[in-house]
Amino acid sequence: MTHALDPEDQKIITLARSARARNGSPEGAAVRDETGRTYAATGVALPSLRLTALQVAVAMAVSGGASSLEAAAIVGDADDPDEKDLAVVEDLGNGTLFLAAPDGTVKGRYI
């Protein structure tokens, strides 16, 4: 993307990058709910439970009382978001999903 991001959108990309780096995970995600609260997470890979980083961040937001998302960000090596990630953002309304490279460069904007 060539245009500058809103500072609040840049913030969730930064939070997703930080979660990814802190946990040494291949993917990090962050979301901002309708009240401006943010949640950051990495994926879960247990024998009995597998969740993408975005699914975890959304679950944290919903558990915290969120009813919709303003924006979400995924940071990792993927060139396109997973269908499950698109679906979970759509479940919570009309938020925007940003896909970014590990260096924070935005690769795409969805939904």
C-alpha atoms as a PDB file:
ATOM      1  CA  MET A   1       0.000   0.000   0.000  1.00  0.00           C
ATOM      2  CA  THR A   2       1.345   3.406  -0.854  1.00  0.00           C
ATOM      3  CA  HIS A   3      -0.757   5.741   1.290  1.00  0.00           C
ATOM      4  CA  ALA A   4      -0.132   6.481   4.947  1.00  0.00           C
ATOM      5  CA  LEU A   5      -2.133   4.598   7.527  1.00  0.00           C
ATOM      6  CA  ASP A   6      -4.228   6.173  10.228  1.00  0.00           C
ATOM      7  CA  PRO A   7      -2.151   6.214  13.462  1.00  0.00           C
ATOM      8  CA  GLU A   8      -4.660   3.882  15.161  1.00  0.00           C
ATOM      9  CA  ASP A   9      -4.330   1.361  12.320  1.00  0.00           C
ATOM     10  CA  GLN A  10      -0.545   1.623  12.481  1.00  0.00           C
ATOM     11  CA  LYS A  11      -0.801   0.939  16.221  1.00  0.00           C
ATOM     12  CA  ILE A  12      -2.513  -2.438  15.758  1.00  0.00           C
ATOM     13  CA  ILE A  13       0.087  -3.438  13.168  1.00  0.00           C
ATOM     14  CA  THR A  14       2.797  -2.510  15.663  1.00  0.00           C
ATOM     15  CA  LEU A  15       1.049  -4.497  18.412  1.00  0.00           C
ATOM     16  CA  ALA A  16       0.774  -7.530  16.113  1.00  0.00           C
ATOM     17  CA  ARG A  17       4.481  -7.251  15.236  1.00  0.00           C
ATOM     18  CA  SER A  18       5.369  -7.024  18.933  1.00  0.00           C
ATOM     19  CA  ALA A  19       3.303 -10.093  19.869  1.00  0.00           C
ATOM     20  CA  ARG A  20       4.919 -12.045  17.025  1.00  0.00           C
ATOM     21  CA  ALA A  21       8.436 -11.041  18.072  1.00  0.00           C
ATOM     22  CA  ARG A  22       7.842 -11.534  21.806  1.00  0.00           C
ATOM     23  CA  ASN A  23       6.643 -15.109  21.333  1.00  0.00           C
ATOM     24  CA  GLY A  24       8.911 -15.998  18.417  1.00  0.00           C
ATOM     25  CA  SER A  25       5.790 -16.925  16.454  1.00  0.00           C
ATOM     26  CA  PRO A  26       5.370 -17.045  12.697  1.00  0.00           C
ATOM     27  CA  GLU A  27       2.273 -14.852  12.950  1.00  0.00           C
ATOM     28  CA  GLY A  28       0.977 -12.110  15.225  1.00  0.00           C
ATOM     29  CA  ALA A  29      -2.368 -10.342  15.194  1.00  0.00           C
ATOM     30  CA  ALA A  30      -4.118  -7.448  16.885  1.00  0.00           C
ATOM     31  CA  VAL A  31      -7.639  -6.058  16.837  1.00  0.00           C
ATOM     32  CA  ARG A  32      -9.324  -2.826  17.885  1.00  0.00           C
ATOM     33  CA  ASP A  33     -12.904  -3.044  19.116  1.00  0.00           C
ATOM     34  CA  GLU A  34     -15.732  -0.519  18.878  1.00  0.00           C
ATOM     35  CA  THR A  35     -14.589   1.266  22.035  1.00  0.00           C
ATOM     36  CA  GLY A  36     -10.955   1.552  20.922  1.00  0.00           C
ATOM     37  CA  ARG A  37      -9.622  -1.221  23.156  1.00  0.00           C
ATOM     38  CA  THR A  38      -6.872  -3.294  21.556  1.00  0.00           C
ATOM     39  CA  TYR A  39      -5.950  -6.948  21.900  1.00  0.00           C
ATOM     40  CA  ALA A  40      -2.818  -8.650  20.539  1.00  0.00           C
ATOM     41  CA  ALA A  41      -2.057 -12.352  20.256  1.00  0.00           C
ATOM     42  CA  THR A  42      -0.206 -15.135  18.530  1.00  0.00           C
ATOM     43  CA  GLY A  43      -1.570 -18.467  17.356  1.00  0.00           C
ATOM     44  CA  VAL A  44      -2.295 -21.490  19.512  1.00  0.00           C
ATOM     45  CA  ALA A  45      -1.050 -24.908  18.421  1.00  0.00           C
ATOM     46  CA  LEU A  46      -1.973 -27.546  20.980  1.00  0.00           C
ATOM     47  CA  PRO A  47      -2.897 -31.148  20.260  1.00  0.00           C
ATOM     48  CA  SER A  48      -6.513 -30.380  21.161  1.00  0.00           C
ATOM     49  CA  LEU A  49      -6.777 -26.749  19.987  1.00  0.00           C
ATOM     50  CA  ARG A  50      -5.524 -24.878  16.928  1.00  0.00           C
ATOM     51  CA  LEU A  51      -6.299 -21.194  16.455  1.00  0.00           C
ATOM     52  CA  THR A  52      -4.793 -18.555  14.216  1.00  0.00           C
ATOM     53  CA  ALA A  53      -3.342 -15.460  15.855  1.00  0.00           C
ATOM     54  CA  LEU A  54      -6.336 -13.433  14.680  1.00  0.00           C
ATOM     55  CA  GLN A  55      -8.805 -15.957  16.065  1.00  0.00           C
ATOM     56  CA  VAL A  56      -7.108 -15.674  19.459  1.00  0.00           C
ATOM     57  CA  ALA A  57      -7.139 -11.853  19.371  1.00  0.00           C
ATOM     58  CA  VAL A  58     -10.817 -11.814  18.394  1.00  0.00           C
ATOM     59  CA  ALA A  59     -11.671 -14.335  21.128  1.00  0.00           C
ATOM     60  CA  MET A  60      -9.900 -12.103  23.657  1.00  0.00           C
ATOM     61  CA  ALA A  61     -11.871  -9.085  22.436  1.00  0.00           C
ATOM     62  CA  VAL A  62     -15.212 -10.892  22.564  1.00  0.00           C
ATOM     63  CA  SER A  63     -14.385 -12.304  25.997  1.00  0.00           C
ATOM     64  CA  GLY A  64     -13.655  -8.723  27.085  1.00  0.00           C
ATOM     65  CA  GLY A  65     -17.108  -7.569  25.950  1.00  0.00           C
ATOM     66  CA  ALA A  66     -16.498  -6.412  22.365  1.00  0.00           C
ATOM     67  CA  SER A  67     -19.459  -6.618  20.038  1.00  0.00           C
ATOM     68  CA  SER A  68     -17.738  -5.349  16.886  1.00  0.00           C
ATOM     69  CA  LEU A  69     -14.313  -4.596  15.441  1.00  0.00           C
ATOM     70  CA  GLU A  70     -13.084  -1.360  13.939  1.00  0.00           C
ATOM     71  CA  ALA A  71      -9.927  -2.956  12.556  1.00  0.00           C
ATOM     72  CA  ALA A  72      -7.709  -6.015  12.671  1.00  0.00           C
ATOM     73  CA  ALA A  73      -4.147  -6.725  11.589  1.00  0.00           C
ATOM     74  CA  ILE A  74      -2.195  -9.875  10.846  1.00  0.00           C
ATOM     75  CA  VAL A  75       1.596  -9.779  10.607  1.00  0.00           C
ATOM     76  CA  GLY A  76       3.437 -12.688   9.043  1.00  0.00           C
ATOM     77  CA  ASP A  77       4.777 -14.168   5.833  1.00  0.00           C
ATOM     78  CA  ALA A  78       1.441 -15.073   4.194  1.00  0.00           C
ATOM     79  CA  ASP A  79       0.480 -13.256   1.008  1.00  0.00           C
ATOM     80  CA  ASP A  80      -3.259 -13.605   1.651  1.00  0.00           C
ATOM     81  CA  PRO A  81      -5.323 -13.930   4.818  1.00  0.00           C
ATOM     82  CA  ASP A  82      -6.692 -17.344   5.742  1.00  0.00           C
ATOM     83  CA  GLU A  83     -10.407 -17.818   5.012  1.00  0.00           C
ATOM     84  CA  LYS A  84     -10.968 -18.458   8.741  1.00  0.00           C
ATOM     85  CA  ASP A  85      -9.472 -15.059   9.534  1.00  0.00           C
ATOM     86  CA  LEU A  86     -11.654 -13.276   7.001  1.00  0.00           C
ATOM     87  CA  ALA A  87     -14.701 -15.052   8.423  1.00  0.00           C
ATOM     88  CA  VAL A  88     -13.962 -14.106  12.034  1.00  0.00           C
ATOM     89  CA  VAL A  89     -13.623 -10.406  11.093  1.00  0.00           C
ATOM     90  CA  GLU A  90     -16.880 -10.585   9.143  1.00  0.00           C
ATOM     91  CA  ASP A  91     -18.570 -12.179  12.177  1.00  0.00           C
ATOM     92  CA  LEU A  92     -18.007  -8.974  14.122  1.00  0.00           C
ATOM     93  CA  GLY A  93     -19.233  -6.433  11.606  1.00  0.00           C
ATOM     94  CA  ASN A  94     -17.589  -4.274   9.011  1.00  0.00           C
ATOM     95  CA  GLY A  95     -14.043  -3.916  10.318  1.00  0.00           C
ATOM     96  CA  THR A  96     -11.017  -3.615   8.076  1.00  0.00           C
ATOM     97  CA  LEU A  97      -8.367  -6.336   8.036  1.00  0.00           C
ATOM     98  CA  PHE A  98      -4.771  -5.348   7.284  1.00  0.00           C
ATOM     99  CA  LEU A  99      -2.231  -7.951   6.237  1.00  0.00           C
ATOM    100  CA  ALA A 100       1.364  -6.889   6.872  1.00  0.00           C
ATOM    101  CA  ALA A 101       4.845  -8.296   6.394  1.00  0.00           C
ATOM    102  CA  PRO A 102       7.091  -8.911   9.426  1.00  0.00           C
ATOM    103  CA  ASP A 103       8.665  -5.470   8.912  1.00  0.00           C
ATOM    104  CA  GLY A 104       5.216  -3.829   9.156  1.00  0.00           C
ATOM    105  CA  THR A 105       4.818  -3.116   5.435  1.00  0.00           C
ATOM    106  CA  VAL A 106       1.134  -3.457   4.572  1.00  0.00           C
ATOM    107  CA  LYS A 107       0.570  -6.076   1.874  1.00  0.00           C
ATOM    108  CA  GLY A 108      -3.190  -5.767   1.635  1.00  0.00           C
ATOM    109  CA  ARG A 109      -6.424  -4.396   3.032  1.00  0.00           C
ATOM    110  CA  TYR A 110      -9.512  -6.621   3.154  1.00  0.00           C
ATOM    111  CA  ILE A 111     -13.225  -6.526   3.938  1.00  0.00           C
END
